Amino acid sequence: MRTRRQLSKIKPKSTKLSQDQVLEIRDMLAMGYKQTELAKMYGVTSQAIYHISKGDSWGWLTGLKREKY
């Protein structure tokens, strides 16, 4: 088991996408690109693209925020 000191030194994963890439993805989705195509192009999962498209992630950047019930 890790101590608090060890846990405090663990860095969070950095994001794989930049803000510009997320905006490109939003534009490409609007142009009709498939989520699986974009996932392969950007090296992320199709779930990541899905969450961008719905505003679950990066919503603050894209202006989309899905209502949580």
Protein backbone atom coordinates (compact mmCIF):
# COMPACT_ATOMS: atom_id res chain seq x y z
CA MET A 1 0.00 0.00 0.00
CA ARG A 2 1.26 3.47 -0.84
CA THR A 3 1.87 6.10 1.78
CA ARG A 4 0.47 9.62 1.58
CA ARG A 5 3.89 10.91 0.62
CA GLN A 6 4.10 8.46 -2.30
CA LEU A 7 0.58 9.32 -3.44
CA SER A 8 1.31 13.04 -3.35
CA LYS A 9 4.15 12.52 -5.83
CA ILE A 10 1.96 10.81 -8.43
CA LYS A 11 1.25 13.20 -11.27
CA PRO A 12 -2.14 13.08 -12.99
CA LYS A 13 -2.20 11.92 -16.59
CA SER A 14 -1.87 14.75 -19.00
CA THR A 15 -4.58 15.22 -21.57
CA LYS A 16 -4.00 13.68 -24.96
CA LEU A 17 -5.86 16.43 -26.79
CA SER A 18 -5.14 20.12 -26.97
CA GLN A 19 -7.85 22.75 -26.93
CA ASP A 20 -7.33 23.33 -30.66
CA GLN A 21 -7.73 19.62 -31.38
CA VAL A 22 -10.99 19.48 -29.43
CA LEU A 23 -12.36 22.38 -31.45
CA GLU A 24 -11.25 20.64 -34.67
CA ILE A 25 -13.02 17.48 -33.54
CA ARG A 26 -16.24 19.42 -32.91
CA ASP A 27 -16.03 20.94 -36.40
CA MET A 28 -15.29 17.58 -38.00
CA LEU A 29 -18.23 15.95 -36.20
CA ALA A 30 -20.45 18.71 -37.60
CA MET A 31 -19.09 17.93 -41.08
CA GLY A 32 -20.17 14.31 -40.72
CA TYR A 33 -17.01 12.50 -39.66
CA LYS A 34 -17.66 9.35 -37.65
CA GLN A 35 -16.57 9.16 -34.04
CA THR A 36 -14.52 6.03 -34.71
CA GLU A 37 -12.66 7.78 -37.56
CA LEU A 38 -11.81 10.72 -35.35
CA ALA A 39 -10.72 8.47 -32.50
CA LYS A 40 -8.20 6.76 -34.77
CA MET A 41 -6.99 10.06 -36.21
CA TYR A 42 -6.37 11.61 -32.80
CA GLY A 43 -5.22 8.49 -30.94
CA VAL A 44 -8.03 8.46 -28.38
CA THR A 45 -10.97 6.17 -27.72
CA SER A 46 -14.31 6.54 -29.44
CA GLN A 47 -15.76 7.10 -25.96
CA ALA A 48 -13.56 10.20 -25.60
CA ILE A 49 -14.95 11.55 -28.88
CA TYR A 50 -18.48 10.70 -27.75
CA HIS A 51 -18.03 12.64 -24.51
CA ILE A 52 -16.68 15.63 -26.43
CA SER A 53 -19.68 15.49 -28.79
CA LYS A 54 -22.15 15.47 -25.89
CA GLY A 55 -20.37 18.11 -23.84
CA ASP A 56 -19.54 15.73 -20.99
CA SER A 57 -15.88 16.59 -21.39
CA TRP A 58 -14.42 19.86 -22.68
CA GLY A 59 -17.89 21.41 -22.42
CA TRP A 60 -16.42 24.58 -20.97
CA LEU A 61 -14.45 24.99 -24.20
CA THR A 62 -17.02 23.94 -26.77
CA GLY A 63 -19.98 25.68 -25.16
CA LEU A 64 -21.87 22.41 -24.84
CA LYS A 65 -22.80 21.09 -21.45
CA ARG A 66 -25.18 18.21 -21.12
CA GLU A 67 -27.65 18.52 -18.28
CA LYS A 68 -27.03 15.98 -15.57
CA TYR A 69 -30.13 14.45 -14.05
